């Protein structure tokens, strides 16, 4: 698994892909949070908190993570190297986990510089240090769970087609559906609105972002991640057969 993980990281940072992903993520967040006028502008919000960032980031990642993961297996299939990969002395789970962790770590690298926002908001708030660290830590943790789920979905869709664009579109659709789709459906099911919305990621992401770690939220994101990784393993095993 380590060999696959290191190969993925080397691929990301041995080409412009890794640097481009990090740059785009930071640029979009920086523009919306500090430059563009609007609801996401922290400087103009009048509140010393990072809620605009944690509201905006999931939407940017809905497009960014599929762009990272779309080549994971689709490129292997297109280049004809998937057979070589499957003949290596590795289990399907080790191959999938290596691909997953490589993409996951790349997004983590993109998130690390945003910790500067915590310092800036805390430093220049009135009074200084007027920042709810509990909520901030909970929000970052929720974002990590969300990234893991998005990445697992992206890895799964990359096994469905050798066309990277198709894999990207499928991944964006599934990420959007799981994040916001159930909220939309809940609006039309008044009697079961709470139950339906609880199936979506947004519900559990907001729950963790309050700063209270509920095992139900952790179990939800873990289940979604494992479910799509298991689907990826199933797809690989079908290719072996």
C-alpha atoms as a PDB file:
ATOM      1  CA  UNK A   1       0.000   0.000   0.000  1.00  0.00           C
ATOM      2  CA  UNK A   2       2.868   2.385   0.796  1.00  0.00           C
ATOM      3  CA  UNK A   3       4.236   1.945  -2.717  1.00  0.00           C
ATOM      4  CA  UNK A   4       0.891   2.973  -4.219  1.00  0.00           C
ATOM      5  CA  UNK A   5       0.582   5.898  -1.785  1.00  0.00           C
ATOM      6  CA  UNK A   6       4.067   7.236  -2.533  1.00  0.00           C
ATOM      7  CA  UNK A   7       3.515   6.770  -6.264  1.00  0.00           C
ATOM      8  CA  UNK A   8       0.310   8.825  -6.079  1.00  0.00           C
ATOM      9  CA  UNK A   9       1.971  11.624  -4.109  1.00  0.00           C
ATOM     10  CA  UNK A  10       4.940  11.584  -6.501  1.00  0.00           C
ATOM     11  CA  UNK A  11       2.523  11.805  -9.440  1.00  0.00           C
ATOM     12  CA  UNK A  12       0.680  14.738  -7.895  1.00  0.00           C
ATOM     13  CA  UNK A  13       3.785  16.735  -7.036  1.00  0.00           C
ATOM     14  CA  UNK A  14       5.923  15.538  -9.934  1.00  0.00           C
ATOM     15  CA  UNK A  15       3.566  17.370 -12.255  1.00  0.00           C
ATOM     16  CA  UNK A  16       1.624  20.651 -12.014  1.00  0.00           C
ATOM     17  CA  UNK A  17      -1.495  18.788 -10.735  1.00  0.00           C
ATOM     18  CA  UNK A  18      -0.734  18.962  -7.018  1.00  0.00           C
ATOM     19  CA  UNK A  19       0.445  22.564  -7.052  1.00  0.00           C
ATOM     20  CA  UNK A  20      -2.462  23.627  -9.246  1.00  0.00           C
ATOM     21  CA  UNK A  21      -5.047  22.038  -6.930  1.00  0.00           C
ATOM     22  CA  UNK A  22      -3.565  23.713  -3.862  1.00  0.00           C
ATOM     23  CA  UNK A  23      -3.240  27.068  -5.645  1.00  0.00           C
ATOM     24  CA  UNK A  24      -6.815  27.013  -6.975  1.00  0.00           C
ATOM     25  CA  UNK A  25      -8.261  26.075  -3.589  1.00  0.00           C
ATOM     26  CA  UNK A  26      -6.369  28.815  -1.764  1.00  0.00           C
ATOM     27  CA  UNK A  27      -6.995  31.400  -4.486  1.00  0.00           C
ATOM     28  CA  UNK A  28     -10.753  30.835  -4.604  1.00  0.00           C
ATOM     29  CA  UNK A  29     -11.067  30.901  -0.829  1.00  0.00           C
ATOM     30  CA  UNK A  30      -8.846  33.970  -0.564  1.00  0.00           C
ATOM     31  CA  UNK A  31     -10.835  35.900  -3.157  1.00  0.00           C
ATOM     32  CA  UNK A  32     -14.261  35.065  -1.745  1.00  0.00           C
ATOM     33  CA  UNK A  33     -13.266  35.477   1.915  1.00  0.00           C
ATOM     34  CA  UNK A  34     -11.102  38.591   1.752  1.00  0.00           C
ATOM     35  CA  UNK A  35     -11.503  40.367  -1.614  1.00  0.00           C
ATOM     36  CA  UNK A  36     -14.915  39.956  -3.226  1.00  0.00           C
ATOM     37  CA  UNK A  37     -17.844  41.745  -1.668  1.00  0.00           C
ATOM     38  CA  UNK A  38     -20.609  39.415  -0.556  1.00  0.00           C
ATOM     39  CA  UNK A  39     -21.900  37.093   2.132  1.00  0.00           C
ATOM     40  CA  UNK A  40     -18.583  35.207   2.368  1.00  0.00           C
ATOM     41  CA  UNK A  41     -16.380  38.232   3.002  1.00  0.00           C
ATOM     42  CA  UNK A  42     -15.038  37.808   6.547  1.00  0.00           C
ATOM     43  CA  UNK A  43     -13.652  41.338   6.835  1.00  0.00           C
ATOM     44  CA  UNK A  44     -17.061  42.855   6.119  1.00  0.00           C
ATOM     45  CA  UNK A  45     -19.142  40.390   8.124  1.00  0.00           C
ATOM     46  CA  UNK A  46     -18.575  42.126  11.447  1.00  0.00           C
ATOM     47  CA  UNK A  47     -18.014  38.798  13.227  1.00  0.00           C
ATOM     48  CA  UNK A  48     -14.744  37.210  14.314  1.00  0.00           C
ATOM     49  CA  UNK A  49     -15.459  33.700  13.076  1.00  0.00           C
ATOM     50  CA  UNK A  50     -14.639  31.434  10.149  1.00  0.00           C
ATOM     51  CA  UNK A  51     -18.180  30.348   9.318  1.00  0.00           C
ATOM     52  CA  UNK A  52     -17.922  31.829   5.795  1.00  0.00           C
ATOM     53  CA  UNK A  53     -14.881  29.633   5.096  1.00  0.00           C
ATOM     54  CA  UNK A  54     -16.510  26.475   6.409  1.00  0.00           C
ATOM     55  CA  UNK A  55     -19.638  27.242   4.389  1.00  0.00           C
ATOM     56  CA  UNK A  56     -17.734  27.924   1.183  1.00  0.00           C
ATOM     57  CA  UNK A  57     -15.087  25.174   1.331  1.00  0.00           C
ATOM     58  CA  UNK A  58     -17.466  22.180   0.813  1.00  0.00           C
ATOM     59  CA  UNK A  59     -18.766  23.733  -2.417  1.00  0.00           C
ATOM     60  CA  UNK A  60     -15.277  24.366  -3.796  1.00  0.00           C
ATOM     61  CA  UNK A  61     -14.213  20.848  -2.835  1.00  0.00           C
ATOM     62  CA  UNK A  62     -17.236  19.369  -4.655  1.00  0.00           C
ATOM     63  CA  UNK A  63     -15.442  20.310  -7.885  1.00  0.00           C
ATOM     64  CA  UNK A  64     -11.820  20.205  -6.769  1.00  0.00           C
ATOM     65  CA  UNK A  65     -11.721  16.689  -5.291  1.00  0.00           C
ATOM     66  CA  UNK A  66     -13.328  15.028  -8.350  1.00  0.00           C
ATOM     67  CA  UNK A  67     -10.699  16.825 -10.461  1.00  0.00           C
ATOM     68  CA  UNK A  68      -8.012  15.152  -8.324  1.00  0.00           C
ATOM     69  CA  UNK A  69      -9.541  11.665  -8.189  1.00  0.00           C
ATOM     70  CA  UNK A  70     -10.903  11.372 -11.744  1.00  0.00           C
ATOM     71  CA  UNK A  71      -7.617   9.948 -13.029  1.00  0.00           C
ATOM     72  CA  UNK A  72      -7.093   7.456 -10.179  1.00  0.00           C
ATOM     73  CA  UNK A  73      -8.313   4.348 -11.998  1.00  0.00           C
ATOM     74  CA  UNK A  74      -9.757   5.740 -15.233  1.00  0.00           C
ATOM     75  CA  UNK A  75      -6.270   6.711 -16.396  1.00  0.00           C
ATOM     76  CA  UNK A  76      -4.935   3.265 -15.448  1.00  0.00           C
ATOM     77  CA  UNK A  77      -7.691   1.695 -17.546  1.00  0.00           C
ATOM     78  CA  UNK A  78      -7.112   4.026 -20.488  1.00  0.00           C
ATOM     79  CA  UNK A  79      -3.326   3.508 -20.478  1.00  0.00           C
ATOM     80  CA  UNK A  80      -3.752  -0.248 -20.080  1.00  0.00           C
ATOM     81  CA  UNK A  81      -1.723  -0.326 -16.861  1.00  0.00           C
ATOM     82  CA  UNK A  82      -4.636  -1.510 -14.703  1.00  0.00           C
ATOM     83  CA  UNK A  83      -3.787  -5.154 -15.492  1.00  0.00           C
ATOM     84  CA  UNK A  84      -0.197  -4.587 -14.379  1.00  0.00           C
ATOM     85  CA  UNK A  85      -1.413  -2.930 -11.196  1.00  0.00           C
ATOM     86  CA  UNK A  86      -3.750  -5.821 -10.409  1.00  0.00           C
ATOM     87  CA  UNK A  87      -0.975  -8.395 -10.851  1.00  0.00           C
ATOM     88  CA  UNK A  88       1.149  -6.781  -8.144  1.00  0.00           C
ATOM     89  CA  UNK A  89       1.376  -8.671  -4.808  1.00  0.00           C
ATOM     90  CA  UNK A  90      -1.207  -6.373  -3.243  1.00  0.00           C
ATOM     91  CA  UNK A  91      -4.783  -6.940  -2.209  1.00  0.00           C
ATOM     92  CA  UNK A  92      -7.558  -4.887  -3.792  1.00  0.00           C
ATOM     93  CA  UNK A  93      -8.041  -3.056  -0.486  1.00  0.00           C
ATOM     94  CA  UNK A  94      -4.352  -2.104  -0.359  1.00  0.00           C
ATOM     95  CA  UNK A  95      -4.485  -0.700  -3.896  1.00  0.00           C
ATOM     96  CA  UNK A  96      -7.673   1.258  -3.189  1.00  0.00           C
ATOM     97  CA  UNK A  97      -6.442   2.561   0.163  1.00  0.00           C
ATOM     98  CA  UNK A  98      -3.163   3.687  -1.422  1.00  0.00           C
ATOM     99  CA  UNK A  99      -5.027   5.641  -4.093  1.00  0.00           C
ATOM    100  CA  UNK A 100      -7.457   7.034  -1.521  1.00  0.00           C
ATOM    101  CA  UNK A 101      -4.797   8.192   0.932  1.00  0.00           C
ATOM    102  CA  UNK A 102      -2.749   9.793  -1.839  1.00  0.00           C
ATOM    103  CA  UNK A 103      -5.663  11.982  -2.941  1.00  0.00           C
ATOM    104  CA  UNK A 104      -6.758  12.602   0.664  1.00  0.00           C
ATOM    105  CA  UNK A 105      -3.306  13.822   1.698  1.00  0.00           C
ATOM    106  CA  UNK A 106      -3.141  16.191  -1.270  1.00  0.00           C
ATOM    107  CA  UNK A 107      -6.334  17.919  -0.106  1.00  0.00           C
ATOM    108  CA  UNK A 108      -4.954  18.015   3.455  1.00  0.00           C
ATOM    109  CA  UNK A 109      -1.907  19.843   2.098  1.00  0.00           C
ATOM    110  CA  UNK A 110      -4.325  22.349   0.545  1.00  0.00           C
ATOM    111  CA  UNK A 111      -6.159  22.826   3.851  1.00  0.00           C
ATOM    112  CA  UNK A 112      -3.079  23.374   6.034  1.00  0.00           C
ATOM    113  CA  UNK A 113      -2.349  26.952   4.795  1.00  0.00           C
ATOM    114  CA  UNK A 114      -5.915  27.958   5.702  1.00  0.00           C
ATOM    115  CA  UNK A 115      -4.881  27.741   9.362  1.00  0.00           C
ATOM    116  CA  UNK A 116      -3.521  31.238   8.747  1.00  0.00           C
ATOM    117  CA  UNK A 117      -7.162  32.363   8.687  1.00  0.00           C
ATOM    118  CA  UNK A 118      -7.497  31.228  12.306  1.00  0.00           C
ATOM    119  CA  UNK A 119      -4.548  33.380  13.338  1.00  0.00           C
ATOM    120  CA  UNK A 120      -5.726  36.424  11.363  1.00  0.00           C
ATOM    121  CA  UNK A 121      -9.317  36.338  12.636  1.00  0.00           C
ATOM    122  CA  UNK A 122      -8.156  35.741  16.218  1.00  0.00           C
ATOM    123  CA  UNK A 123      -5.476  38.424  16.045  1.00  0.00           C
ATOM    124  CA  UNK A 124      -7.608  41.172  14.553  1.00  0.00           C
ATOM    125  CA  UNK A 125     -10.895  40.402  16.271  1.00  0.00           C
ATOM    126  CA  UNK A 126     -12.281  42.778  18.870  1.00  0.00           C
ATOM    127  CA  UNK A 127     -11.235  41.984  21.511  1.00  0.00           C
ATOM    128  CA  UNK A 128      -8.135  40.146  20.343  1.00  0.00           C
ATOM    129  CA  UNK A 129      -8.510  36.382  20.604  1.00  0.00           C
ATOM    130  CA  UNK A 130     -12.295  36.594  20.357  1.00  0.00           C
ATOM    131  CA  UNK A 131     -12.607  33.357  18.374  1.00  0.00           C
ATOM    132  CA  UNK A 132     -14.514  30.226  19.387  1.00  0.00           C
ATOM    133  CA  UNK A 133     -11.752  27.638  19.091  1.00  0.00           C
ATOM    134  CA  UNK A 134     -14.095  24.763  19.959  1.00  0.00           C
ATOM    135  CA  UNK A 135     -16.335  25.522  16.990  1.00  0.00           C
ATOM    136  CA  UNK A 136     -13.338  26.142  14.741  1.00  0.00           C
ATOM    137  CA  UNK A 137     -11.691  22.828  15.630  1.00  0.00           C
ATOM    138  CA  UNK A 138     -15.007  21.021  15.211  1.00  0.00           C
ATOM    139  CA  UNK A 139     -15.491  22.638  11.796  1.00  0.00           C
ATOM    140  CA  UNK A 140     -12.033  21.595  10.634  1.00  0.00           C
ATOM    141  CA  UNK A 141     -12.716  18.061  11.833  1.00  0.00           C
ATOM    142  CA  UNK A 142     -16.027  18.050   9.992  1.00  0.00           C
ATOM    143  CA  UNK A 143     -14.235  19.285   6.872  1.00  0.00           C
ATOM    144  CA  UNK A 144     -11.750  16.399   7.135  1.00  0.00           C
ATOM    145  CA  UNK A 145     -14.613  13.881   7.322  1.00  0.00           C
ATOM    146  CA  UNK A 146     -16.246  15.582   4.339  1.00  0.00           C
ATOM    147  CA  UNK A 147     -12.993  15.435   2.364  1.00  0.00           C
ATOM    148  CA  UNK A 148     -12.666  11.717   3.133  1.00  0.00           C
ATOM    149  CA  UNK A 149     -16.204  11.052   1.874  1.00  0.00           C
ATOM    150  CA  UNK A 150     -15.750  13.160  -1.273  1.00  0.00           C
ATOM    151  CA  UNK A 151     -12.447  11.411  -1.989  1.00  0.00           C
ATOM    152  CA  UNK A 152     -13.964   7.941  -1.577  1.00  0.00           C
ATOM    153  CA  UNK A 153     -16.764   8.901  -3.973  1.00  0.00           C
ATOM    154  CA  UNK A 154     -14.243  10.239  -6.486  1.00  0.00           C
ATOM    155  CA  UNK A 155     -12.096   7.102  -6.294  1.00  0.00           C
ATOM    156  CA  UNK A 156     -15.200   4.957  -6.852  1.00  0.00           C
ATOM    157  CA  UNK A 157     -16.426   6.866  -9.908  1.00  0.00           C
ATOM    158  CA  UNK A 158     -12.962   6.667 -11.471  1.00  0.00           C
ATOM    159  CA  UNK A 159     -13.461   2.888 -11.761  1.00  0.00           C
ATOM    160  CA  UNK A 160     -16.704   3.283 -13.707  1.00  0.00           C
ATOM    161  CA  UNK A 161     -15.197   4.706 -16.903  1.00  0.00           C
ATOM    162  CA  UNK A 162     -11.842   5.068 -18.588  1.00  0.00           C
ATOM    163  CA  UNK A 163     -12.899   8.570 -19.601  1.00  0.00           C
ATOM    164  CA  UNK A 164     -11.703  11.042 -16.964  1.00  0.00           C
ATOM    165  CA  UNK A 165     -14.350  13.634 -17.866  1.00  0.00           C
ATOM    166  CA  UNK A 166     -17.129  11.088 -17.330  1.00  0.00           C
ATOM    167  CA  UNK A 167     -15.573  10.099 -13.987  1.00  0.00           C
ATOM    168  CA  UNK A 168     -15.355  13.794 -13.016  1.00  0.00           C
ATOM    169  CA  UNK A 169     -19.001  14.517 -13.868  1.00  0.00           C
ATOM    170  CA  UNK A 170     -20.258  11.409 -12.032  1.00  0.00           C
ATOM    171  CA  UNK A 171     -18.183  12.317  -8.990  1.00  0.00           C
ATOM    172  CA  UNK A 172     -19.416  15.920  -8.914  1.00  0.00           C
ATOM    173  CA  UNK A 173     -23.002  14.711  -9.205  1.00  0.00           C
ATOM    174  CA  UNK A 174     -22.702  12.144  -6.389  1.00  0.00           C
ATOM    175  CA  UNK A 175     -20.821  14.553  -4.100  1.00  0.00           C
ATOM    176  CA  UNK A 176     -23.460  17.240  -4.712  1.00  0.00           C
ATOM    177  CA  UNK A 177     -26.304  14.769  -4.194  1.00  0.00           C
ATOM    178  CA  UNK A 178     -24.949  13.417  -0.922  1.00  0.00           C
ATOM    179  CA  UNK A 179     -24.047  16.872   0.362  1.00  0.00           C
ATOM    180  CA  UNK A 180     -27.115  18.886  -0.626  1.00  0.00           C
ATOM    181  CA  UNK A 181     -29.500  16.573  -2.472  1.00  0.00           C
ATOM    182  CA  UNK A 182     -31.184  15.138   0.592  1.00  0.00           C
ATOM    183  CA  UNK A 183     -31.802  18.640   1.946  1.00  0.00           C
ATOM    184  CA  UNK A 184     -33.629  19.421  -1.300  1.00  0.00           C
ATOM    185  CA  UNK A 185     -35.662  16.215  -1.123  1.00  0.00           C
ATOM    186  CA  UNK A 186     -36.534  16.904   2.518  1.00  0.00           C
ATOM    187  CA  UNK A 187     -38.252  20.131   1.459  1.00  0.00           C
ATOM    188  CA  UNK A 188     -40.838  18.043  -0.387  1.00  0.00           C
ATOM    189  CA  UNK A 189     -41.333  15.465   2.371  1.00  0.00           C
ATOM    190  CA  UNK A 190     -42.724  17.454   5.284  1.00  0.00           C
ATOM    191  CA  UNK A 191     -43.646  14.374   7.312  1.00  0.00           C
ATOM    192  CA  UNK A 192     -40.162  12.840   7.054  1.00  0.00           C
ATOM    193  CA  UNK A 193     -38.084  15.971   6.516  1.00  0.00           C
ATOM    194  CA  UNK A 194     -35.818  15.405   9.520  1.00  0.00           C
ATOM    195  CA  UNK A 195     -35.198  11.778   8.617  1.00  0.00           C
ATOM    196  CA  UNK A 196     -34.428  12.522   4.966  1.00  0.00           C
ATOM    197  CA  UNK A 197     -32.140  15.481   5.706  1.00  0.00           C
ATOM    198  CA  UNK A 198     -30.240  13.343   8.226  1.00  0.00           C
ATOM    199  CA  UNK A 199     -29.173  11.077   5.356  1.00  0.00           C
ATOM    200  CA  UNK A 200     -27.240  13.935   3.753  1.00  0.00           C
ATOM    201  CA  UNK A 201     -23.692  15.054   4.517  1.00  0.00           C
ATOM    202  CA  UNK A 202     -24.655  18.670   5.104  1.00  0.00           C
ATOM    203  CA  UNK A 203     -26.720  17.714   8.164  1.00  0.00           C
ATOM    204  CA  UNK A 204     -23.834  15.859   9.830  1.00  0.00           C
ATOM    205  CA  UNK A 205     -21.215  18.384   8.703  1.00  0.00           C
ATOM    206  CA  UNK A 206     -23.153  21.201  10.363  1.00  0.00           C
ATOM    207  CA  UNK A 207     -23.610  19.055  13.468  1.00  0.00           C
ATOM    208  CA  UNK A 208     -19.858  18.515  13.880  1.00  0.00           C
ATOM    209  CA  UNK A 209     -19.189  22.174  13.067  1.00  0.00           C
ATOM    210  CA  UNK A 210     -20.996  23.172  16.256  1.00  0.00           C
ATOM    211  CA  UNK A 211     -17.977  21.881  18.151  1.00  0.00           C
ATOM    212  CA  UNK A 212     -19.682  18.833  19.645  1.00  0.00           C
ATOM    213  CA  UNK A 213     -18.360  15.506  18.343  1.00  0.00           C
ATOM    214  CA  UNK A 214     -21.330  13.153  18.107  1.00  0.00           C
ATOM    215  CA  UNK A 215     -20.544   9.495  17.432  1.00  0.00           C
ATOM    216  CA  UNK A 216     -23.518   9.386  15.044  1.00  0.00           C
ATOM    217  CA  UNK A 217     -21.852  11.987  12.814  1.00  0.00           C
ATOM    218  CA  UNK A 218     -18.507  10.174  12.925  1.00  0.00           C
ATOM    219  CA  UNK A 219     -20.226   6.871  12.154  1.00  0.00           C
ATOM    220  CA  UNK A 220     -22.126   8.449   9.257  1.00  0.00           C
ATOM    221  CA  UNK A 221     -19.052   9.827   7.487  1.00  0.00           C
ATOM    222  CA  UNK A 222     -17.066   6.670   8.214  1.00  0.00           C
ATOM    223  CA  UNK A 223     -19.867   4.557   6.748  1.00  0.00           C
ATOM    224  CA  UNK A 224     -20.116   6.651   3.564  1.00  0.00           C
ATOM    225  CA  UNK A 225     -16.341   6.519   3.088  1.00  0.00           C
ATOM    226  CA  UNK A 226     -16.105   2.765   3.663  1.00  0.00           C
ATOM    227  CA  UNK A 227     -19.175   2.124   1.489  1.00  0.00           C
ATOM    228  CA  UNK A 228     -17.677   3.812  -1.565  1.00  0.00           C
ATOM    229  CA  UNK A 229     -14.237   2.321  -0.963  1.00  0.00           C
ATOM    230  CA  UNK A 230     -15.887  -1.113  -0.759  1.00  0.00           C
ATOM    231  CA  UNK A 231     -17.652  -0.325  -4.040  1.00  0.00           C
ATOM    232  CA  UNK A 232     -14.260   0.495  -5.560  1.00  0.00           C
ATOM    233  CA  UNK A 233     -12.815  -2.805  -4.328  1.00  0.00           C
ATOM    234  CA  UNK A 234     -15.787  -4.639  -5.848  1.00  0.00           C
ATOM    235  CA  UNK A 235     -15.176  -2.931  -9.180  1.00  0.00           C
ATOM    236  CA  UNK A 236     -11.487  -3.906  -9.107  1.00  0.00           C
ATOM    237  CA  UNK A 237     -12.295  -7.509  -8.309  1.00  0.00           C
ATOM    238  CA  UNK A 238     -14.737  -7.593 -11.222  1.00  0.00           C
ATOM    239  CA  UNK A 239     -11.902  -6.421 -13.486  1.00  0.00           C
ATOM    240  CA  UNK A 240      -9.699  -9.251 -12.208  1.00  0.00           C
ATOM    241  CA  UNK A 241     -12.387 -11.744 -13.130  1.00  0.00           C
END
